[in-house]
PDB file of all heavy atoms in Angstrom:
ATOM      1  N   CYS A   1       8.975  -1.474 -19.484  1.00  0.00           N
ATOM      2  CA  CYS A   1       8.606  -0.398 -18.664  1.00  0.00           C
ATOM      3  C   CYS A   1       9.597  -0.123 -17.581  1.00  0.00           C
ATOM      4  O   CYS A   1      10.671  -0.804 -17.668  1.00  0.00           O
ATOM      5  CB  CYS A   1       7.223  -0.740 -17.974  1.00  0.00           C
ATOM      6  SG  CYS A   1       7.356  -2.251 -16.961  1.00  0.00           S
ATOM      7  N   ILE A   2       9.489   0.845 -16.790  1.00  0.00           N
ATOM      8  CA  ILE A   2      10.392   1.145 -15.814  1.00  0.00           C
ATOM      9  C   ILE A   2       9.756   0.979 -14.516  1.00  0.00           C
ATOM     10  O   ILE A   2       8.543   0.880 -14.381  1.00  0.00           O
ATOM     11  CB  ILE A   2      10.969   2.668 -15.884  1.00  0.00           C
ATOM     12  CG1 ILE A   2       9.767   3.726 -15.879  1.00  0.00           C
ATOM     13  CG2 ILE A   2      11.593   2.791 -17.296  1.00  0.00           C
ATOM     14  CD1 ILE A   2      10.193   5.101 -15.671  1.00  0.00           C
ATOM     15  N   GLU A   3      10.608   1.014 -13.449  1.00  0.00           N
ATOM     16  CA  GLU A   3      10.173   0.994 -12.059  1.00  0.00           C
ATOM     17  C   GLU A   3      10.650   2.241 -11.411  1.00  0.00           C
ATOM     18  O   GLU A   3      11.743   2.767 -11.733  1.00  0.00           O
ATOM     19  CB  GLU A   3      10.725  -0.180 -11.318  1.00  0.00           C
ATOM     20  CG  GLU A   3      10.220  -1.513 -11.762  1.00  0.00           C
ATOM     21  CD  GLU A   3      10.772  -2.783 -11.118  1.00  0.00           C
ATOM     22  OE1 GLU A   3      12.050  -2.723 -10.934  1.00  0.00           O
ATOM     23  OE2 GLU A   3      10.067  -3.753 -10.861  1.00  0.00           O
ATOM     24  N   VAL A   4       9.956   2.818 -10.397  1.00  0.00           N
ATOM     25  CA  VAL A   4      10.297   4.055  -9.744  1.00  0.00           C
ATOM     26  C   VAL A   4      10.342   3.745  -8.296  1.00  0.00           C
ATOM     27  O   VAL A   4       9.398   3.099  -7.809  1.00  0.00           O
ATOM     28  CB  VAL A   4       9.343   5.246 -10.173  1.00  0.00           C
ATOM     29  CG1 VAL A   4       9.706   6.410  -9.351  1.00  0.00           C
ATOM     30  CG2 VAL A   4       9.394   5.512 -11.568  1.00  0.00           C
ATOM     31  N   ALA A   5      11.286   4.275  -7.626  1.00  0.00           N
ATOM     32  CA  ALA A   5      11.285   4.257  -6.159  1.00  0.00           C
ATOM     33  C   ALA A   5      11.359   5.749  -5.666  1.00  0.00           C
ATOM     34  O   ALA A   5      12.426   6.458  -5.956  1.00  0.00           O
ATOM     35  CB  ALA A   5      12.488   3.462  -5.621  1.00  0.00           C
ATOM     36  N   LYS A   6      10.309   6.180  -5.042  1.00  0.00           N
ATOM     37  CA  LYS A   6      10.419   7.622  -4.609  1.00  0.00           C
ATOM     38  C   LYS A   6      11.132   7.653  -3.241  1.00  0.00           C
ATOM     39  O   LYS A   6      11.036   6.792  -2.351  1.00  0.00           O
ATOM     40  CB  LYS A   6       8.944   8.144  -4.429  1.00  0.00           C
ATOM     41  CG  LYS A   6       8.202   8.217  -5.701  1.00  0.00           C
ATOM     42  CD  LYS A   6       6.814   8.849  -5.487  1.00  0.00           C
ATOM     43  CE  LYS A   6       5.895   7.688  -5.195  1.00  0.00           C
ATOM     44  NZ  LYS A   6       4.551   8.031  -4.983  1.00  0.00           N
ATOM     45  N   THR A   7      11.932   8.774  -3.177  1.00  0.00           N
ATOM     46  CA  THR A   7      12.631   9.045  -1.911  1.00  0.00           C
ATOM     47  C   THR A   7      12.538  10.493  -1.463  1.00  0.00           C
ATOM     48  O   THR A   7      11.975  11.241  -2.316  1.00  0.00           O
ATOM     49  CB  THR A   7      14.075   8.770  -2.038  1.00  0.00           C
ATOM     50  OG1 THR A   7      14.750   9.730  -2.966  1.00  0.00           O
ATOM     51  CG2 THR A   7      14.503   7.309  -2.615  1.00  0.00           C
ATOM     52  N   THR A   8      12.979  10.818  -0.284  1.00  0.00           N
ATOM     53  CA  THR A   8      12.829  12.179   0.113  1.00  0.00           C
ATOM     54  C   THR A   8      13.852  13.101  -0.780  1.00  0.00           C
ATOM     55  O   THR A   8      13.610  14.316  -0.815  1.00  0.00           O
ATOM     56  CB  THR A   8      13.274  12.378   1.545  1.00  0.00           C
ATOM     57  OG1 THR A   8      14.567  11.869   1.762  1.00  0.00           O
ATOM     58  CG2 THR A   8      12.232  11.826   2.431  1.00  0.00           C
ATOM     59  N   GLY A   9      14.730  12.455  -1.368  1.00  0.00           N
ATOM     60  CA  GLY A   9      15.661  13.144  -2.222  1.00  0.00           C
ATOM     61  C   GLY A   9      15.394  13.024  -3.801  1.00  0.00           C
ATOM     62  O   GLY A   9      16.270  13.175  -4.487  1.00  0.00           O
ATOM     63  N   GLY A  10      14.156  12.770  -4.088  1.00  0.00           N
ATOM     64  CA  GLY A  10      13.726  12.700  -5.512  1.00  0.00           C
ATOM     65  C   GLY A  10      13.236  11.239  -5.790  1.00  0.00           C
ATOM     66  O   GLY A  10      12.218  10.754  -5.181  1.00  0.00           O
ATOM     67  N   ALA A  11      13.930  10.579  -6.766  1.00  0.00           N
ATOM     68  CA  ALA A  11      13.451   9.256  -7.128  1.00  0.00           C
ATOM     69  C   ALA A  11      14.673   8.481  -7.727  1.00  0.00           C
ATOM     70  O   ALA A  11      15.641   9.079  -8.343  1.00  0.00           O
ATOM     71  CB  ALA A  11      12.284   9.365  -8.031  1.00  0.00           C
ATOM     72  N   TYR A  12      14.430   7.230  -7.782  1.00  0.00           N
ATOM     73  CA  TYR A  12      15.306   6.342  -8.532  1.00  0.00           C
ATOM     74  C   TYR A  12      14.504   5.663  -9.586  1.00  0.00           C
ATOM     75  O   TYR A  12      13.330   5.283  -9.460  1.00  0.00           O
ATOM     76  CB  TYR A  12      15.932   5.232  -7.622  1.00  0.00           C
ATOM     77  CG  TYR A  12      17.023   5.764  -6.654  1.00  0.00           C
ATOM     78  CD1 TYR A  12      16.643   6.266  -5.421  1.00  0.00           C
ATOM     79  CD2 TYR A  12      18.335   5.769  -7.131  1.00  0.00           C
ATOM     80  CE1 TYR A  12      17.661   6.721  -4.490  1.00  0.00           C
ATOM     81  CE2 TYR A  12      19.349   6.276  -6.263  1.00  0.00           C
ATOM     82  CZ  TYR A  12      18.995   6.793  -4.929  1.00  0.00           C
ATOM     83  OH  TYR A  12      19.868   7.208  -4.155  1.00  0.00           O
ATOM     84  N   VAL A  13      15.055   5.565 -10.757  1.00  0.00           N
ATOM     85  CA  VAL A  13      14.344   4.937 -11.931  1.00  0.00           C
ATOM     86  C   VAL A  13      15.285   3.730 -12.497  1.00  0.00           C
ATOM     87  O   VAL A  13      16.516   3.949 -12.570  1.00  0.00           O
ATOM     88  CB  VAL A  13      14.107   5.980 -13.123  1.00  0.00           C
ATOM     89  CG1 VAL A  13      13.318   5.320 -14.246  1.00  0.00           C
ATOM     90  CG2 VAL A  13      13.381   7.179 -12.490  1.00  0.00           C
ATOM     91  N   ARG A  14      14.567   2.634 -12.734  1.00  0.00           N
ATOM     92  CA  ARG A  14      15.366   1.495 -13.376  1.00  0.00           C
ATOM     93  C   ARG A  14      14.541   0.803 -14.465  1.00  0.00           C
ATOM     94  O   ARG A  14      13.243   0.825 -14.459  1.00  0.00           O
ATOM     95  CB  ARG A  14      15.862   0.591 -12.286  1.00  0.00           C
ATOM     96  CG  ARG A  14      14.812  -0.270 -11.597  1.00  0.00           C
ATOM     97  CD  ARG A  14      15.338  -1.181 -10.654  1.00  0.00           C
ATOM     98  NE  ARG A  14      14.309  -1.947  -9.988  1.00  0.00           N
ATOM     99  CZ  ARG A  14      14.414  -2.760  -8.919  1.00  0.00           C
ATOM    100  NH1 ARG A  14      15.644  -2.901  -8.404  1.00  0.00           N
ATOM    101  NH2 ARG A  14      13.341  -3.426  -8.287  1.00  0.00           N
ATOM    102  N   ASP A  15      15.239   0.095 -15.274  1.00  0.00           N
ATOM    103  CA  ASP A  15      14.529  -0.670 -16.349  1.00  0.00           C
ATOM    104  C   ASP A  15      14.206  -1.962 -15.856  1.00  0.00           C
ATOM    105  O   ASP A  15      14.968  -2.750 -15.259  1.00  0.00           O
ATOM    106  CB  ASP A  15      15.632  -0.875 -17.618  1.00  0.00           C
ATOM    107  CG  ASP A  15      15.076  -1.542 -18.715  1.00  0.00           C
ATOM    108  OD1 ASP A  15      13.927  -2.075 -18.695  1.00  0.00           O
ATOM    109  OD2 ASP A  15      15.762  -1.456 -19.754  1.00  0.00           O
ATOM    110  N   THR A  16      12.980  -2.415 -16.068  1.00  0.00           N
ATOM    111  CA  THR A  16      12.538  -3.713 -15.447  1.00  0.00           C
ATOM    112  C   THR A  16      13.154  -4.950 -16.268  1.00  0.00           C
ATOM    113  O   THR A  16      13.274  -5.945 -15.612  1.00  0.00           O
ATOM    114  CB  THR A  16      11.021  -3.991 -15.702  1.00  0.00           C
ATOM    115  OG1 THR A  16      10.591  -3.776 -16.967  1.00  0.00           O
ATOM    116  CG2 THR A  16      10.252  -2.892 -14.698  1.00  0.00           C
ATOM    117  N   LYS A  17      13.648  -4.660 -17.409  1.00  0.00           N
ATOM    118  CA  LYS A  17      14.358  -5.765 -18.166  1.00  0.00           C
ATOM    119  C   LYS A  17      15.911  -5.906 -17.737  1.00  0.00           C
ATOM    120  O   LYS A  17      16.426  -6.843 -18.125  1.00  0.00           O
ATOM    121  CB  LYS A  17      14.327  -5.527 -19.666  1.00  0.00           C
ATOM    122  CG  LYS A  17      12.960  -5.657 -20.301  1.00  0.00           C
ATOM    123  CD  LYS A  17      12.966  -5.475 -21.815  1.00  0.00           C
ATOM    124  CE  LYS A  17      13.134  -3.939 -22.126  1.00  0.00           C
ATOM    125  NZ  LYS A  17      13.064  -3.611 -23.485  1.00  0.00           N
ATOM    126  N   ASP A  18      16.334  -4.925 -17.078  1.00  0.00           N
ATOM    127  CA  ASP A  18      17.753  -4.959 -16.692  1.00  0.00           C
ATOM    128  C   ASP A  18      18.043  -4.434 -15.281  1.00  0.00           C
ATOM    129  O   ASP A  18      18.818  -3.514 -15.132  1.00  0.00           O
ATOM    130  CB  ASP A  18      18.541  -4.196 -17.770  1.00  0.00           C
ATOM    131  CG  ASP A  18      19.997  -4.455 -17.741  1.00  0.00           C
ATOM    132  OD1 ASP A  18      20.563  -5.351 -16.933  1.00  0.00           O
ATOM    133  OD2 ASP A  18      20.852  -3.766 -18.374  1.00  0.00           O
ATOM    134  N   ARG A  19      17.373  -5.044 -14.318  1.00  0.00           N
ATOM    135  CA  ARG A  19      17.460  -4.487 -12.986  1.00  0.00           C
ATOM    136  C   ARG A  19      18.913  -4.548 -12.414  1.00  0.00           C
ATOM    137  O   ARG A  19      19.249  -3.726 -11.638  1.00  0.00           O
ATOM    138  CB  ARG A  19      16.509  -5.340 -12.038  1.00  0.00           C
ATOM    139  CG  ARG A  19      15.048  -5.025 -12.232  1.00  0.00           C
ATOM    140  CD  ARG A  19      14.231  -5.842 -11.431  1.00  0.00           C
ATOM    141  NE  ARG A  19      12.707  -5.514 -11.577  1.00  0.00           N
ATOM    142  CZ  ARG A  19      11.971  -6.357 -12.041  1.00  0.00           C
ATOM    143  NH1 ARG A  19      12.242  -7.588 -12.178  1.00  0.00           N
ATOM    144  NH2 ARG A  19      10.704  -6.043 -12.315  1.00  0.00           N
ATOM    145  N   PRO A  20      19.638  -5.612 -12.702  1.00  0.00           N
ATOM    146  CA  PRO A  20      21.009  -5.707 -12.154  1.00  0.00           C
ATOM    147  C   PRO A  20      21.863  -4.554 -12.565  1.00  0.00           C
ATOM    148  O   PRO A  20      22.909  -4.218 -11.887  1.00  0.00           O
ATOM    149  CB  PRO A  20      21.536  -7.025 -12.679  1.00  0.00           C
ATOM    150  CG  PRO A  20      20.352  -7.892 -13.074  1.00  0.00           C
ATOM    151  CD  PRO A  20      19.275  -6.792 -13.410  1.00  0.00           C
ATOM    152  N   ARG A  21      21.477  -3.807 -13.639  1.00  0.00           N
ATOM    153  CA  ARG A  21      22.314  -2.738 -14.153  1.00  0.00           C
ATOM    154  C   ARG A  21      22.388  -1.572 -13.105  1.00  0.00           C
ATOM    155  O   ARG A  21      23.091  -0.670 -13.212  1.00  0.00           O
ATOM    156  CB  ARG A  21      21.928  -2.314 -15.589  1.00  0.00           C
ATOM    157  CG  ARG A  21      22.775  -1.318 -16.107  1.00  0.00           C
ATOM    158  CD  ARG A  21      22.410  -1.058 -17.610  1.00  0.00           C
ATOM    159  NE  ARG A  21      23.446  -0.395 -18.253  1.00  0.00           N
ATOM    160  CZ  ARG A  21      23.690  -0.303 -19.557  1.00  0.00           C
ATOM    161  NH1 ARG A  21      22.805  -0.888 -20.238  1.00  0.00           N
ATOM    162  NH2 ARG A  21      24.523   0.285 -20.037  1.00  0.00           N
ATOM    163  N   GLY A  22      21.344  -1.506 -12.268  1.00  0.00           N
ATOM    164  CA  GLY A  22      21.239  -0.438 -11.350  1.00  0.00           C
ATOM    165  C   GLY A  22      20.134   0.602 -11.660  1.00  0.00           C
ATOM    166  O   GLY A  22      19.288   0.336 -12.564  1.00  0.00           O
ATOM    167  N   ALA A  23      20.179   1.669 -10.967  1.00  0.00           N
ATOM    168  CA  ALA A  23      19.038   2.660 -11.152  1.00  0.00           C
ATOM    169  C   ALA A  23      19.759   4.138 -11.295  1.00  0.00           C
ATOM    170  O   ALA A  23      20.858   4.335 -10.800  1.00  0.00           O
ATOM    171  CB  ALA A  23      18.221   2.616  -9.924  1.00  0.00           C
ATOM    172  N   ALA A  24      19.066   4.980 -11.979  1.00  0.00           N
ATOM    173  CA  ALA A  24      19.432   6.296 -12.096  1.00  0.00           C
ATOM    174  C   ALA A  24      18.671   7.243 -11.114  1.00  0.00           C
ATOM    175  O   ALA A  24      17.558   7.063 -10.901  1.00  0.00           O
ATOM    176  CB  ALA A  24      19.027   6.808 -13.518  1.00  0.00           C
ATOM    177  N   ALA A  25      19.512   7.894 -10.444  1.00  0.00           N
ATOM    178  CA  ALA A  25      18.920   8.898  -9.318  1.00  0.00           C
ATOM    179  C   ALA A  25      18.463  10.155 -10.080  1.00  0.00           C
ATOM    180  O   ALA A  25      19.241  10.717 -10.831  1.00  0.00           O
ATOM    181  CB  ALA A  25      20.007   9.231  -8.254  1.00  0.00           C
ATOM    182  N   VAL A  26      17.297  10.648  -9.707  1.00  0.00           N
ATOM    183  CA  VAL A  26      16.748  11.936 -10.233  1.00  0.00           C
ATOM    184  C   VAL A  26      16.439  12.857  -9.040  1.00  0.00           C
ATOM    185  O   VAL A  26      15.821  12.411  -8.100  1.00  0.00           O
ATOM    186  CB  VAL A  26      15.535  11.673 -11.100  1.00  0.00           C
ATOM    187  CG1 VAL A  26      14.938  12.888 -11.654  1.00  0.00           C
ATOM    188  CG2 VAL A  26      15.721  10.609 -12.140  1.00  0.00           C
ATOM    189  N   ALA A  27      17.022  13.978  -9.023  1.00  0.00           N
ATOM    190  CA  ALA A  27      16.853  15.020  -7.994  1.00  0.00           C
ATOM    191  C   ALA A  27      15.205  15.490  -7.909  1.00  0.00           C
ATOM    192  O   ALA A  27      14.582  15.413  -8.835  1.00  0.00           O
ATOM    193  CB  ALA A  27      17.727  16.239  -8.213  1.00  0.00           C
ATOM    194  N   PRO A  28      14.858  16.078  -6.780  1.00  0.00           N
ATOM    195  CA  PRO A  28      13.423  16.355  -6.585  1.00  0.00           C
ATOM    196  C   PRO A  28      12.916  17.249  -7.659  1.00  0.00           C
ATOM    197  O   PRO A  28      11.857  17.041  -8.149  1.00  0.00           O
ATOM    198  CB  PRO A  28      13.458  17.030  -5.218  1.00  0.00           C
ATOM    199  CG  PRO A  28      14.619  16.446  -4.491  1.00  0.00           C
ATOM    200  CD  PRO A  28      15.685  16.195  -5.608  1.00  0.00           C
ATOM    201  N   ARG A  29      13.727  18.378  -7.991  1.00  0.00           N
ATOM    202  CA  ARG A  29      13.081  19.391  -8.881  1.00  0.00           C
ATOM    203  C   ARG A  29      12.870  18.782 -10.360  1.00  0.00           C
ATOM    204  O   ARG A  29      11.807  18.860 -10.830  1.00  0.00           O
ATOM    205  CB  ARG A  29      14.009  20.611  -9.019  1.00  0.00           C
ATOM    206  CG  ARG A  29      13.357  21.709  -9.787  1.00  0.00           C
ATOM    207  CD  ARG A  29      14.196  22.978  -9.798  1.00  0.00           C
ATOM    208  NE  ARG A  29      13.514  23.917 -10.658  1.00  0.00           N
ATOM    209  CZ  ARG A  29      13.916  25.148 -10.814  1.00  0.00           C
ATOM    210  NH1 ARG A  29      14.943  25.686 -10.002  1.00  0.00           N
ATOM    211  NH2 ARG A  29      13.406  25.961 -11.580  1.00  0.00           N
ATOM    212  N   PRO A  30      13.903  18.194 -10.937  1.00  0.00           N
ATOM    213  CA  PRO A  30      13.654  17.603 -12.260  1.00  0.00           C
ATOM    214  C   PRO A  30      12.674  16.452 -12.244  1.00  0.00           C
ATOM    215  O   PRO A  30      11.867  16.311 -13.174  1.00  0.00           O
ATOM    216  CB  PRO A  30      15.018  17.073 -12.782  1.00  0.00           C
ATOM    217  CG  PRO A  30      15.985  17.316 -11.614  1.00  0.00           C
ATOM    218  CD  PRO A  30      15.314  18.094 -10.632  1.00  0.00           C
ATOM    219  N   TRP A  31      12.528  15.690 -11.066  1.00  0.00           N
ATOM    220  CA  TRP A  31      11.545  14.576 -11.126  1.00  0.00           C
ATOM    221  C   TRP A  31      10.200  15.340 -11.112  1.00  0.00           C
ATOM    222  O   TRP A  31       9.265  14.798 -11.770  1.00  0.00           O
ATOM    223  CB  TRP A  31      11.756  13.777  -9.826  1.00  0.00           C
ATOM    224  CG  TRP A  31      10.788  12.745  -9.715  1.00  0.00           C
ATOM    225  CD1 TRP A  31       9.851  12.522  -8.846  1.00  0.00           C
ATOM    226  CD2 TRP A  31      10.626  11.531 -10.580  1.00  0.00           C
ATOM    227  NE1 TRP A  31       9.101  11.409  -8.923  1.00  0.00           N
ATOM    228  CE2 TRP A  31       9.572  10.796 -10.164  1.00  0.00           C
ATOM    229  CE3 TRP A  31      11.255  11.143 -11.718  1.00  0.00           C
ATOM    230  CZ2 TRP A  31       9.181   9.589 -10.860  1.00  0.00           C
ATOM    231  CZ3 TRP A  31      10.898   9.987 -12.314  1.00  0.00           C
ATOM    232  CH2 TRP A  31       9.831   9.200 -11.941  1.00  0.00           C
ATOM    233  N   GLY A  32      10.008  16.224 -10.271  1.00  0.00           N
ATOM    234  CA  GLY A  32       8.651  17.058 -10.196  1.00  0.00           C
ATOM    235  C   GLY A  32       8.279  17.612 -11.562  1.00  0.00           C
ATOM    236  O   GLY A  32       7.200  17.489 -11.945  1.00  0.00           O
ATOM    237  N   GLU A  33       9.297  18.148 -12.266  1.00  0.00           N
ATOM    238  CA  GLU A  33       8.967  18.708 -13.630  1.00  0.00           C
ATOM    239  C   GLU A  33       8.677  17.667 -14.643  1.00  0.00           C
ATOM    240  O   GLU A  33       7.682  17.853 -15.407  1.00  0.00           O
ATOM    241  CB  GLU A  33      10.328  19.621 -14.089  1.00  0.00           C
ATOM    242  CG  GLU A  33      10.512  20.747 -13.213  1.00  0.00           C
ATOM    243  CD  GLU A  33      11.841  21.438 -13.587  1.00  0.00           C
ATOM    244  OE1 GLU A  33      12.669  20.823 -14.306  1.00  0.00           O
ATOM    245  OE2 GLU A  33      12.041  22.593 -13.027  1.00  0.00           O
ATOM    246  N   PHE A  34       9.241  16.549 -14.500  1.00  0.00           N
ATOM    247  CA  PHE A  34       8.999  15.387 -15.388  1.00  0.00           C
ATOM    248  C   PHE A  34       7.523  14.897 -15.134  1.00  0.00           C
ATOM    249  O   PHE A  34       6.745  14.747 -16.079  1.00  0.00           O
ATOM    250  CB  PHE A  34       9.945  14.300 -15.163  1.00  0.00           C
ATOM    251  CG  PHE A  34       9.550  12.906 -15.845  1.00  0.00           C
ATOM    252  CD1 PHE A  34       9.610  12.785 -17.216  1.00  0.00           C
ATOM    253  CD2 PHE A  34       8.984  11.921 -15.111  1.00  0.00           C
ATOM    254  CE1 PHE A  34       9.219  11.642 -17.859  1.00  0.00           C
ATOM    255  CE2 PHE A  34       8.647  10.807 -15.700  1.00  0.00           C
ATOM    256  CZ  PHE A  34       8.769  10.592 -17.191  1.00  0.00           C
ATOM    257  N   LEU A  35       7.147  14.765 -13.867  1.00  0.00           N
ATOM    258  CA  LEU A  35       5.845  14.270 -13.541  1.00  0.00           C
ATOM    259  C   LEU A  35       4.765  15.428 -13.981  1.00  0.00           C
ATOM    260  O   LEU A  35       3.695  14.967 -14.465  1.00  0.00           O
ATOM    261  CB  LEU A  35       5.660  14.122 -12.033  1.00  0.00           C
ATOM    262  CG  LEU A  35       6.501  12.949 -11.412  1.00  0.00           C
ATOM    263  CD1 LEU A  35       6.191  12.905  -9.967  1.00  0.00           C
ATOM    264  CD2 LEU A  35       6.043  11.617 -12.100  1.00  0.00           C
ATOM    265  N   THR A  36       5.022  16.621 -13.796  1.00  0.00           N
ATOM    266  CA  THR A  36       4.098  17.560 -14.323  1.00  0.00           C
ATOM    267  C   THR A  36       3.858  17.567 -15.831  1.00  0.00           C
ATOM    268  O   THR A  36       2.898  17.548 -16.328  1.00  0.00           O
ATOM    269  CB  THR A  36       4.655  19.043 -13.917  1.00  0.00           C
ATOM    270  OG1 THR A  36       4.628  19.045 -12.489  1.00  0.00           O
ATOM    271  CG2 THR A  36       3.708  20.112 -14.496  1.00  0.00           C
ATOM    272  N   ALA A  37       5.086  17.345 -16.586  1.00  0.00           N
ATOM    273  CA  ALA A  37       4.944  17.318 -18.039  1.00  0.00           C
ATOM    274  C   ALA A  37       4.130  16.062 -18.417  1.00  0.00           C
ATOM    275  O   ALA A  37       3.405  16.140 -19.358  1.00  0.00           O
ATOM    276  CB  ALA A  37       6.354  17.135 -18.536  1.00  0.00           C
ATOM    277  N   VAL A  38       4.384  14.907 -17.710  1.00  0.00           N
ATOM    278  CA  VAL A  38       3.504  13.739 -18.002  1.00  0.00           C
ATOM    279  C   VAL A  38       2.056  13.967 -17.755  1.00  0.00           C
ATOM    280  O   VAL A  38       1.251  13.686 -18.640  1.00  0.00           O
ATOM    281  CB  VAL A  38       4.043  12.441 -17.272  1.00  0.00           C
ATOM    282  CG1 VAL A  38       3.078  11.369 -17.308  1.00  0.00           C
ATOM    283  CG2 VAL A  38       5.429  12.136 -17.641  1.00  0.00           C
ATOM    284  N   LYS A  39       1.782  14.613 -16.679  1.00  0.00           N
ATOM    285  CA  LYS A  39       0.294  14.790 -16.273  1.00  0.00           C
ATOM    286  C   LYS A  39      -0.387  15.781 -17.087  1.00  0.00           C
ATOM    287  O   LYS A  39      -1.599  15.714 -17.403  1.00  0.00           O
ATOM    288  CB  LYS A  39       0.306  15.146 -14.868  1.00  0.00           C
ATOM    289  CG  LYS A  39       0.680  14.082 -13.758  1.00  0.00           C
ATOM    290  CD  LYS A  39       0.631  14.602 -12.470  1.00  0.00           C
ATOM    291  CE  LYS A  39       1.200  13.446 -11.503  1.00  0.00           C
ATOM    292  NZ  LYS A  39       1.224  14.006 -10.065  1.00  0.00           N
ATOM    293  N   THR A  40       0.347  16.717 -17.636  1.00  0.00           N
ATOM    294  CA  THR A  40      -0.245  17.768 -18.456  1.00  0.00           C
ATOM    295  C   THR A  40      -0.175  17.476 -19.988  1.00  0.00           C
ATOM    296  O   THR A  40      -0.549  18.361 -20.703  1.00  0.00           O
ATOM    297  CB  THR A  40       0.249  19.161 -18.107  1.00  0.00           C
ATOM    298  OG1 THR A  40       1.735  19.145 -18.347  1.00  0.00           O
ATOM    299  CG2 THR A  40       0.077  19.532 -16.700  1.00  0.00           C
TER     300      THR A  40
END
């Protein structure tokens, strides 16, 4: 699975199996679009 950290500037996403590798930053608009797609 993944872990998510929400911020005022969007979110960070990382792999739970490889936390030391770091996280990917996602800007607010694409993050919101992704969440909408998941929910719908």
